[in-house]
Each structure stands twice: as C-alpha cells, then as structure tokens.
Protein backbone atom coordinates (compact mmCIF):
# COMPACT_ATOMS: atom_id res chain seq x y z
CA UNK A 1 1.50 -15.80 -13.71
CA UNK A 2 0.24 -12.24 -14.74
CA UNK A 3 1.68 -9.33 -16.74
CA UNK A 4 0.80 -6.19 -15.28
CA UNK A 5 2.02 -2.29 -15.22
CA UNK A 6 4.36 -1.14 -12.60
CA UNK A 7 3.46 2.26 -10.12
CA UNK A 8 7.23 2.65 -7.65
CA UNK A 9 7.05 4.59 -5.28
CA UNK A 10 8.43 5.74 -2.25
CA UNK A 11 5.81 3.95 0.22
CA UNK A 12 4.62 0.77 0.63
CA UNK A 13 0.98 0.02 -0.17
CA UNK A 14 -0.80 -2.99 1.80
CA UNK A 15 -3.93 -4.99 1.18
CA UNK A 16 -6.92 -2.85 1.94
CA UNK A 17 -4.91 0.33 2.25
CA UNK A 18 -5.89 4.21 0.54
CA UNK A 19 -3.85 5.20 -1.43
CA UNK A 20 -4.52 9.16 -3.60
CA UNK A 21 -2.22 9.96 -6.20
CA UNK A 22 -1.73 12.73 -8.43
CA UNK A 23 -0.48 11.67 -11.55
CA UNK A 24 1.29 13.86 -14.35
CA UNK A 25 4.34 12.08 -15.67
CA UNK A 26 3.01 10.55 -19.79
CA UNK A 27 4.34 6.82 -18.82
CA UNK A 28 1.54 6.77 -15.78
CA UNK A 29 -1.14 9.16 -17.22
CA UNK A 30 -1.66 6.57 -20.08
CA UNK A 31 -1.37 3.30 -18.04
CA UNK A 32 -3.77 4.81 -15.29
CA UNK A 33 -6.18 5.67 -18.39
CA UNK A 34 -6.33 2.12 -19.70
CA UNK A 35 -6.51 0.87 -16.25
CA UNK A 36 -9.79 3.05 -15.78
CA UNK A 37 -11.27 2.09 -19.29
CA UNK A 38 -10.34 -1.70 -18.63
CA UNK A 39 -11.23 -2.01 -14.57
CA UNK A 40 -7.94 -3.43 -14.60
CA UNK A 41 -5.60 -3.31 -11.71
CA UNK A 42 -1.67 -2.20 -11.70
CA UNK A 43 1.26 -3.23 -9.41
CA UNK A 44 1.97 -0.63 -6.75
CA UNK A 45 5.66 -1.39 -5.44
CA UNK A 46 8.23 0.19 -3.38
CA UNK A 47 11.38 1.82 -4.93
CA UNK A 48 14.88 0.91 -3.25
CA UNK A 49 16.99 3.11 -4.95
CA UNK A 50 15.97 6.23 -7.51
CA UNK A 51 13.33 8.93 -7.62
CA UNK A 52 9.45 8.78 -8.31
CA UNK A 53 9.82 11.12 -11.48
CA UNK A 54 12.08 9.89 -13.71
CA UNK A 55 15.47 11.42 -14.76
CA UNK A 56 17.73 11.06 -17.30
CA UNK A 57 20.46 8.56 -16.52
CA UNK A 58 18.77 7.64 -13.07
CA UNK A 59 18.50 3.89 -12.09
CA UNK A 60 15.56 2.59 -10.63
CA UNK A 61 15.86 -0.90 -8.48
CA UNK A 62 12.30 -2.11 -7.38
CA UNK A 63 10.86 -4.30 -4.46
CA UNK A 64 10.50 -8.08 -5.00
CA UNK A 65 7.10 -7.56 -3.36
CA UNK A 66 3.79 -5.68 -3.84
CA UNK A 67 0.33 -4.85 -3.88
CA UNK A 68 -2.01 -4.77 -6.73
CA UNK A 69 -4.20 -1.67 -6.39
CA UNK A 70 -7.58 -0.73 -8.48
CA UNK A 71 -8.80 3.24 -9.07
CA UNK A 72 -12.17 3.52 -7.04
CA UNK A 73 -12.46 7.21 -7.95
CA UNK A 74 -10.51 9.69 -10.16
CA UNK A 75 -10.43 12.98 -11.73
CA UNK A 76 -8.84 15.06 -14.25
CA UNK A 77 -9.28 18.70 -13.52
CA UNK A 78 -6.34 19.86 -15.56
CA UNK A 79 -4.99 18.43 -19.29
CA UNK A 80 -2.19 16.32 -18.00
CA UNK A 81 -3.28 16.33 -14.37
CA UNK A 82 -5.15 13.05 -12.75
CA UNK A 83 -5.96 12.63 -9.45
CA UNK A 84 -6.99 8.99 -8.39
CA UNK A 85 -8.17 6.94 -5.65
CA UNK A 86 -6.45 3.55 -5.02
CA UNK A 87 -7.63 0.63 -2.90
CA UNK A 88 -4.66 -2.18 -1.84
CA UNK A 89 -5.94 -5.72 -3.26
CA UNK A 90 -3.71 -8.60 -3.15
CA UNK A 91 -0.18 -8.99 -2.45
CA UNK A 92 2.01 -10.17 -5.24
CA UNK A 93 5.84 -11.00 -6.20
CA UNK A 94 7.59 -10.06 -8.86
CA UNK A 95 8.86 -13.19 -11.22
CA UNK A 96 10.40 -10.73 -13.95
CA UNK A 97 10.47 -7.35 -14.76
CA UNK A 98 11.47 -4.95 -17.62
CA UNK A 99 11.09 -1.09 -18.03
CA UNK A 100 9.97 0.11 -21.57
CA UNK A 101 11.71 2.68 -23.52
CA UNK A 102 9.09 5.44 -22.27
CA UNK A 103 9.94 4.64 -18.70
CA UNK A 104 6.70 2.56 -17.47
CA UNK A 105 7.29 -0.86 -15.70
CA UNK A 106 5.86 -4.11 -16.75
CA UNK A 107 6.39 -7.19 -14.63
CA UNK A 108 5.59 -10.99 -14.66
CA UNK A 109 3.95 -11.49 -11.72
CA UNK A 110 2.45 -14.22 -8.97
CA UNK A 111 -0.34 -13.44 -6.61
CA UNK A 112 0.53 -14.00 -3.19
CA UNK A 113 -2.01 -15.98 -1.00
CA UNK A 114 -4.62 -12.94 0.79
CA UNK A 115 -4.18 -13.26 4.89
CA UNK A 116 -6.86 -15.78 6.56
CA UNK A 117 -9.24 -14.31 8.74
CA UNK A 118 -7.91 -14.53 12.00
CA UNK A 119 -9.18 -13.20 15.32
CA UNK A 120 -7.24 -10.54 17.48
CA UNK A 121 -5.36 -12.92 20.44
CA UNK A 122 -5.93 -11.39 23.70
CA UNK A 123 -2.15 -10.63 23.69
CA UNK A 124 -2.17 -8.09 20.92
CA UNK A 125 -5.51 -6.97 22.06
CA UNK A 126 -3.73 -3.68 22.83
CA UNK A 127 -2.59 -3.32 19.32
CA UNK A 128 -6.15 -3.10 17.65
CA UNK A 129 -7.32 -0.99 20.90
CA UNK A 130 -4.91 1.72 20.41
CA UNK A 131 -5.88 1.45 16.09
CA UNK A 132 -9.61 2.17 17.19
CA UNK A 133 -8.25 5.03 19.66
CA UNK A 134 -6.83 6.51 16.65
CA UNK A 135 -9.74 6.33 14.13
CA UNK A 136 -11.98 7.63 16.96
CA UNK A 137 -9.53 10.68 17.72
CA UNK A 138 -9.65 11.72 13.95
CA UNK A 139 -13.38 11.39 13.51
CA UNK A 140 -13.89 13.56 16.26
CA UNK A 141 -11.39 15.86 14.56
CA UNK A 142 -13.69 16.09 11.69
CA UNK A 143 -11.55 15.05 9.06
CA UNK A 144 -13.16 14.72 5.39
CA UNK A 145 -13.71 10.81 4.66
CA UNK A 146 -11.62 11.18 1.59
CA UNK A 147 -8.88 12.71 3.94
CA UNK A 148 -8.73 9.62 6.37
CA UNK A 149 -5.53 8.16 5.65
CA UNK A 150 -7.24 4.56 6.26
CA UNK A 151 -11.10 3.82 5.13
CA UNK A 152 -13.82 1.48 6.32
CA UNK A 153 -14.68 -0.99 7.03
CA UNK A 154 -12.58 -0.69 10.00
CA UNK A 155 -11.84 -4.73 10.85
CA UNK A 156 -10.54 -4.07 14.23
CA UNK A 157 -11.20 -7.73 14.94
CA UNK A 158 -8.50 -9.02 12.12
CA UNK A 159 -5.27 -9.52 12.61
CA UNK A 160 -3.84 -8.86 9.12
CA UNK A 161 -6.02 -5.74 9.03
CA UNK A 162 -4.91 -4.36 11.75
CA UNK A 163 -1.42 -5.10 11.31
CA UNK A 164 -1.55 -3.55 7.72
CA UNK A 165 -2.78 -0.59 8.86
CA UNK A 166 -0.20 -0.03 11.68
CA UNK A 167 2.31 -0.56 9.20
CA UNK A 168 1.10 2.08 6.69
CA UNK A 169 0.75 4.65 9.60
CA UNK A 170 3.78 4.08 11.16
CA UNK A 171 7.50 5.67 10.46
CA UNK A 172 9.53 2.62 9.08
CA UNK A 173 12.24 1.92 6.96
CA UNK A 174 12.17 0.63 3.32
CA UNK A 175 13.86 -2.87 4.82
CA UNK A 176 11.15 -2.96 7.46
CA UNK A 177 8.13 -2.09 5.26
CA UNK A 178 8.97 -5.05 3.03
CA UNK A 179 9.89 -7.43 5.58
CA UNK A 180 6.21 -6.86 6.84
CA UNK A 181 4.57 -6.82 3.50
CA UNK A 182 5.91 -10.46 3.03
CA UNK A 183 5.16 -11.84 5.81
CA UNK A 184 2.49 -14.69 5.25
CA UNK A 185 1.67 -15.27 8.70
CA UNK A 186 -0.89 -12.25 9.85
CA UNK A 187 -0.33 -12.80 13.46
CA UNK A 188 3.38 -13.05 13.29
CA UNK A 189 2.60 -9.24 11.29
CA UNK A 190 0.68 -8.04 14.07
CA UNK A 191 3.42 -8.82 16.88
CA UNK A 192 5.99 -7.24 15.08
CA UNK A 193 3.61 -4.04 14.95
CA UNK A 194 3.12 -4.55 18.40
CA UNK A 195 7.13 -4.69 19.00
CA UNK A 196 7.30 -2.00 17.13
CA UNK A 197 4.76 0.40 18.97
CA UNK A 198 5.67 -0.96 22.42
CA UNK A 199 9.57 0.56 21.28
CA UNK A 200 8.12 3.59 20.46
CA UNK A 201 6.03 3.96 23.74
CA UNK A 202 2.38 4.38 21.79
CA UNK A 203 1.37 1.45 23.65
CA UNK A 204 -0.40 1.29 27.01
CA UNK A 205 0.81 -1.31 29.49
C-alpha cells in the first residue's frame, strides 16, 4: 500500500488522460508544489458528494477508485495561483482515507493492474474509427495541442486507450464513469462504451 494526497474533482481521470487544472486553494497549492519538487504523483478521485471548493460544514464523499496523476507542465502566473497540466497514470483503489485539519485528503491506496495491451476486435473497430475521425476534425480546426482534450501518442489500435478516451469525452453520470474506471477488462470497457455511443446515435452502422 502507498500513502498519497488526493485531489477530489467533479470529473474522472483515466489512465493516459490529459487534465489541465488551475490551483488556488491553499490545501492544494502546498500539495502540488511538493509533488512537483519531489516528482511525486497525487491521486485524482471523483467527488460523489460535496463541492470542489471547500466550504464550512461541507462533507465530501469520495469515489473508491481513482487514478494517479503526474504533473507534466506547470506555471505560476500570479501569487497564489498554479496552472498545471497532468497526465493520468495507474488506477488505484482507496483502502482508507483521512481528511486533515486544513482540508487535504490523504489515503492509503493499492494500485490496480494496468490494462493489458489488446488489439481492437473487429466488432468494435467502429469505436476506434469514430475516435480517429474526431481527432482528425480537431486537428483540422487548428486547435492548439495544449487545448486538445486528448494527447498523443494516439493509440487507436488499443482497446484500453480507445475506451478511456471515450469515457472522458462522453457526458456520463458519476455512476457510469466509476463503473467504467473500475472495469479491469479493457475489451469489456470498450464494449460498454460502444453500447453508449450506439444509444446516443454517435456510431455509424
């Protein structure tokens, strides 16, 4: 088990996902500075209850599964403001967690096995093709790389990578995002994403 600081958010970070953040709360400024200096990851977990910004008397409920994040770039444009860019690493399961007096969450976590590298099955090839088409459209719009919602390398031939990017892009409920993040089989995760895309009319027959 490993002890890590947590950053609860109203979103879910998946392995290899890109997450830009603006940090201004004292509890997170100190944590992020320490992570940058020590080149240490922190944990991103979904908030099931409570707000991202701390308020008096507010209770925060954390999801049981999250993703380690590493800072890949940062800037401090103003005193008391950090702008960071993070990439998702390995998933983890929270064994125990504790909120410190100043509001920072610390947790004992067990990391979960990374996805096996499994090629896209023919039955799900349309899911990868649709993601490839979306990436090309964004590139044609000349969106700056740092503003792209997903970052290269684009592993469009891997089940886990394709499924995870769709999980980030789709408008899903907190329960759906947790279900997909907790799913250990990348092929099954891709099949679940395919079902959601089909239901929303986002896949060609």
